Amino acid sequence: MEIGQSDSPYGEWWPKMKDEAFNLVGVPYAIGSEPDAGVFPPKSLDCSELIQYLFFRQGFTDCPDGSWNQHRESVPVDDPRPGDWGFWGSTLKKTVDNPFGIYHAGMIYNDKSVVEARALDAQGRFGQVILRDRSRWESWEPFIMVGGWRRWKRLVETS
């Protein structure tokens, strides 16, 4: 059986990934962080590295890095589930390499929460891996404008 395949819609990897994601809450945010997947917990993570790190730890060594690359390597889904990805975009951040202006990524943790690595905001909050209310993501314009929840193409091919 290939990685990610099982009778479960999430694959055999999801229960361990969920536990590890929860145990990363509070890890400091650092843009451009490149942690070693063999070290748990890492010293720091950024938003796309959080996703890549969690998938690498489950044996998915081909998970893309960079939120815009993760967006490009995922497809919209009508049945979002834990492990699926969400992105924020801005017309002000659009480039040739990043036509949707993707600037942030998060992953569904459960039916109520998203796990994400957030930079400090203007009020000095966050700056670490957090669990955020999923409904706040789903009502946020930068999330809506880039098409909602997405699934990594590799998981579509193996599930």
Protein backbone atom coordinates (compact mmCIF):
# COMPACT_ATOMS: atom_id res chain seq x y z
CA MET A 1 0.00 0.00 0.00
CA GLU A 2 1.31 3.48 -0.90
CA ILE A 3 1.73 6.28 1.60
CA GLY A 4 -1.61 7.94 2.16
CA GLN A 5 -3.70 4.92 1.13
CA SER A 6 -5.94 3.02 3.52
CA ASP A 7 -9.61 2.37 4.10
CA SER A 8 -9.77 5.71 5.94
CA PRO A 9 -10.53 8.80 3.85
CA TYR A 10 -7.53 10.43 5.54
CA GLY A 11 -5.00 7.65 5.11
CA GLU A 12 -3.04 5.99 7.87
CA TRP A 13 -0.99 9.17 8.31
CA TRP A 14 -3.71 11.49 9.63
CA PRO A 15 -3.97 10.40 13.31
CA LYS A 16 -0.24 10.91 13.89
CA MET A 17 -0.21 14.16 11.89
CA LYS A 18 -3.13 15.50 13.93
CA ASP A 19 -1.30 14.77 17.20
CA GLU A 20 1.89 16.37 15.91
CA ALA A 21 0.01 19.45 14.66
CA PHE A 22 -1.53 19.92 18.10
CA ASN A 23 1.87 19.55 19.74
CA LEU A 24 3.29 22.29 17.49
CA VAL A 25 0.91 24.92 18.86
CA GLY A 26 3.11 27.60 20.41
CA VAL A 27 6.18 26.95 18.22
CA PRO A 28 7.52 30.41 17.25
CA TYR A 29 6.88 31.85 13.79
CA ALA A 30 9.90 32.75 11.65
CA ILE A 31 9.52 33.59 7.96
CA GLY A 32 11.76 31.46 5.78
CA SER A 33 12.15 28.81 8.47
CA GLU A 34 13.58 25.54 7.13
CA PRO A 35 13.46 23.00 9.99
CA ASP A 36 14.87 19.49 9.87
CA ALA A 37 11.92 17.06 9.63
CA GLY A 38 13.85 14.68 11.89
CA VAL A 39 13.74 17.13 14.80
CA PHE A 40 10.53 17.49 16.81
CA PRO A 41 9.54 20.07 17.73
CA PRO A 42 11.35 22.48 15.45
CA LYS A 43 12.70 25.79 16.76
CA SER A 44 10.45 27.77 14.41
CA LEU A 45 8.06 27.49 11.45
CA ASP A 46 6.43 29.73 8.89
CA CYS A 47 2.99 29.04 7.40
CA SER A 48 3.96 26.91 4.40
CA GLU A 49 6.77 25.21 6.27
CA LEU A 50 4.28 24.07 8.92
CA ILE A 51 2.35 22.18 6.24
CA GLN A 52 5.47 20.84 4.54
CA TYR A 53 7.00 19.81 7.88
CA LEU A 54 3.90 17.90 9.00
CA PHE A 55 3.63 16.03 5.69
CA PHE A 56 7.38 15.29 5.58
CA ARG A 57 7.12 13.76 9.04
CA GLN A 58 4.51 11.33 7.68
CA GLY A 59 6.75 10.27 4.79
CA PHE A 60 5.45 12.65 2.11
CA THR A 61 8.90 13.93 1.13
CA ASP A 62 7.57 15.57 -2.05
CA CYS A 63 5.30 18.09 -0.29
CA PRO A 64 5.98 21.50 -1.86
CA ASP A 65 7.39 24.46 0.07
CA GLY A 66 6.07 28.00 -0.29
CA SER A 67 2.38 28.86 0.04
CA TRP A 68 2.12 29.81 -3.66
CA ASN A 69 3.66 26.45 -4.67
CA GLN A 70 1.31 24.58 -2.34
CA HIS A 71 -1.63 26.43 -3.89
CA ARG A 72 -0.41 25.51 -7.39
CA GLU A 73 -0.04 21.83 -6.36
CA SER A 74 -3.55 21.57 -4.90
CA VAL A 75 -7.08 21.41 -6.28
CA PRO A 76 -10.37 22.87 -4.97
CA VAL A 77 -12.57 20.45 -3.03
CA ASP A 78 -16.29 20.34 -2.24
CA ASP A 79 -15.75 18.00 0.71
CA PRO A 80 -13.07 19.69 2.85
CA ARG A 81 -11.57 17.46 5.53
CA PRO A 82 -8.70 17.55 8.00
CA GLY A 83 -5.36 17.78 6.19
CA ASP A 84 -6.78 19.98 3.40
CA TRP A 85 -5.18 23.35 2.79
CA GLY A 86 -6.44 26.91 2.71
CA PHE A 87 -4.73 30.04 1.43
CA TRP A 88 -5.00 33.79 1.61
CA GLY A 89 -4.33 35.95 -1.43
CA SER A 90 -4.18 39.60 -2.38
CA THR A 91 -4.30 41.38 -5.72
CA LEU A 92 -1.46 43.54 -4.37
CA LYS A 93 0.81 40.49 -4.06
CA LYS A 94 0.21 39.06 -7.55
CA THR A 95 3.31 38.30 -9.62
CA VAL A 96 4.07 36.23 -12.70
CA ASP A 97 5.14 33.33 -10.45
CA ASN A 98 2.26 33.92 -8.00
CA PRO A 99 -0.79 34.89 -10.12
CA PHE A 100 -3.25 34.58 -7.21
CA GLY A 101 -1.13 36.69 -4.84
CA ILE A 102 -0.96 33.84 -2.31
CA TYR A 103 0.68 34.99 0.91
CA HIS A 104 -0.52 32.67 3.69
CA ALA A 105 -1.39 28.99 4.16
CA GLY A 106 -3.15 26.94 6.81
CA MET A 107 -4.48 23.42 7.16
CA ILE A 108 -7.81 22.09 8.41
CA TYR A 109 -7.24 20.57 11.83
CA ASN A 110 -10.81 19.44 12.53
CA ASP A 111 -14.39 20.56 11.83
CA LYS A 112 -13.91 23.64 14.04
CA SER A 113 -10.22 24.64 13.69
CA VAL A 114 -7.40 25.45 11.31
CA VAL A 115 -3.75 25.03 12.31
CA GLU A 116 -1.50 27.81 11.03
CA ALA A 117 1.80 29.54 11.73
CA ARG A 118 1.02 33.25 12.07
CA ALA A 119 3.31 36.23 12.10
CA LEU A 120 2.81 38.94 14.71
CA ASP A 121 -0.13 41.15 13.86
CA ALA A 122 -0.45 44.89 14.52
CA GLN A 123 -1.69 44.17 18.05
CA GLY A 124 1.37 42.02 18.81
CA ARG A 125 -0.63 38.78 18.83
CA PHE A 126 0.32 35.44 17.31
CA GLY A 127 3.91 35.05 16.15
CA GLN A 128 3.55 31.31 16.59
CA VAL A 129 1.67 28.19 15.51
CA ILE A 130 -1.98 28.54 16.53
CA LEU A 131 -5.35 26.86 16.18
CA ARG A 132 -7.83 29.37 14.74
CA ASP A 133 -11.59 29.12 14.43
CA ARG A 134 -12.31 27.59 11.02
CA SER A 135 -15.39 29.79 10.49
CA ARG A 136 -13.14 32.88 10.68
CA TRP A 137 -11.04 31.47 7.84
CA GLU A 138 -14.10 30.63 5.77
CA SER A 139 -15.53 34.16 6.08
CA TRP A 140 -12.21 35.97 5.43
CA GLU A 141 -12.16 37.69 2.00
CA PRO A 142 -8.49 36.80 1.23
CA PHE A 143 -9.47 33.10 1.66
CA ILE A 144 -12.66 33.37 -0.39
CA MET A 145 -10.96 35.20 -3.27
CA VAL A 146 -8.53 32.31 -3.88
CA GLY A 147 -11.23 29.66 -3.99
CA GLY A 148 -11.68 28.08 -0.57
CA TRP A 149 -10.36 24.73 0.65
CA ARG A 150 -7.97 22.74 -1.49
CA ARG A 151 -6.47 19.25 -1.40
CA TRP A 152 -2.91 18.41 -2.32
CA LYS A 153 -3.00 16.75 -5.77
CA ARG A 154 -0.96 13.84 -4.41
CA LEU A 155 -3.75 12.99 -1.96
CA VAL A 156 -6.40 13.19 -4.65
CA GLU A 157 -4.41 10.67 -6.70
CA THR A 158 -3.97 8.24 -3.77
CA SER A 159 -7.31 8.43 -1.96
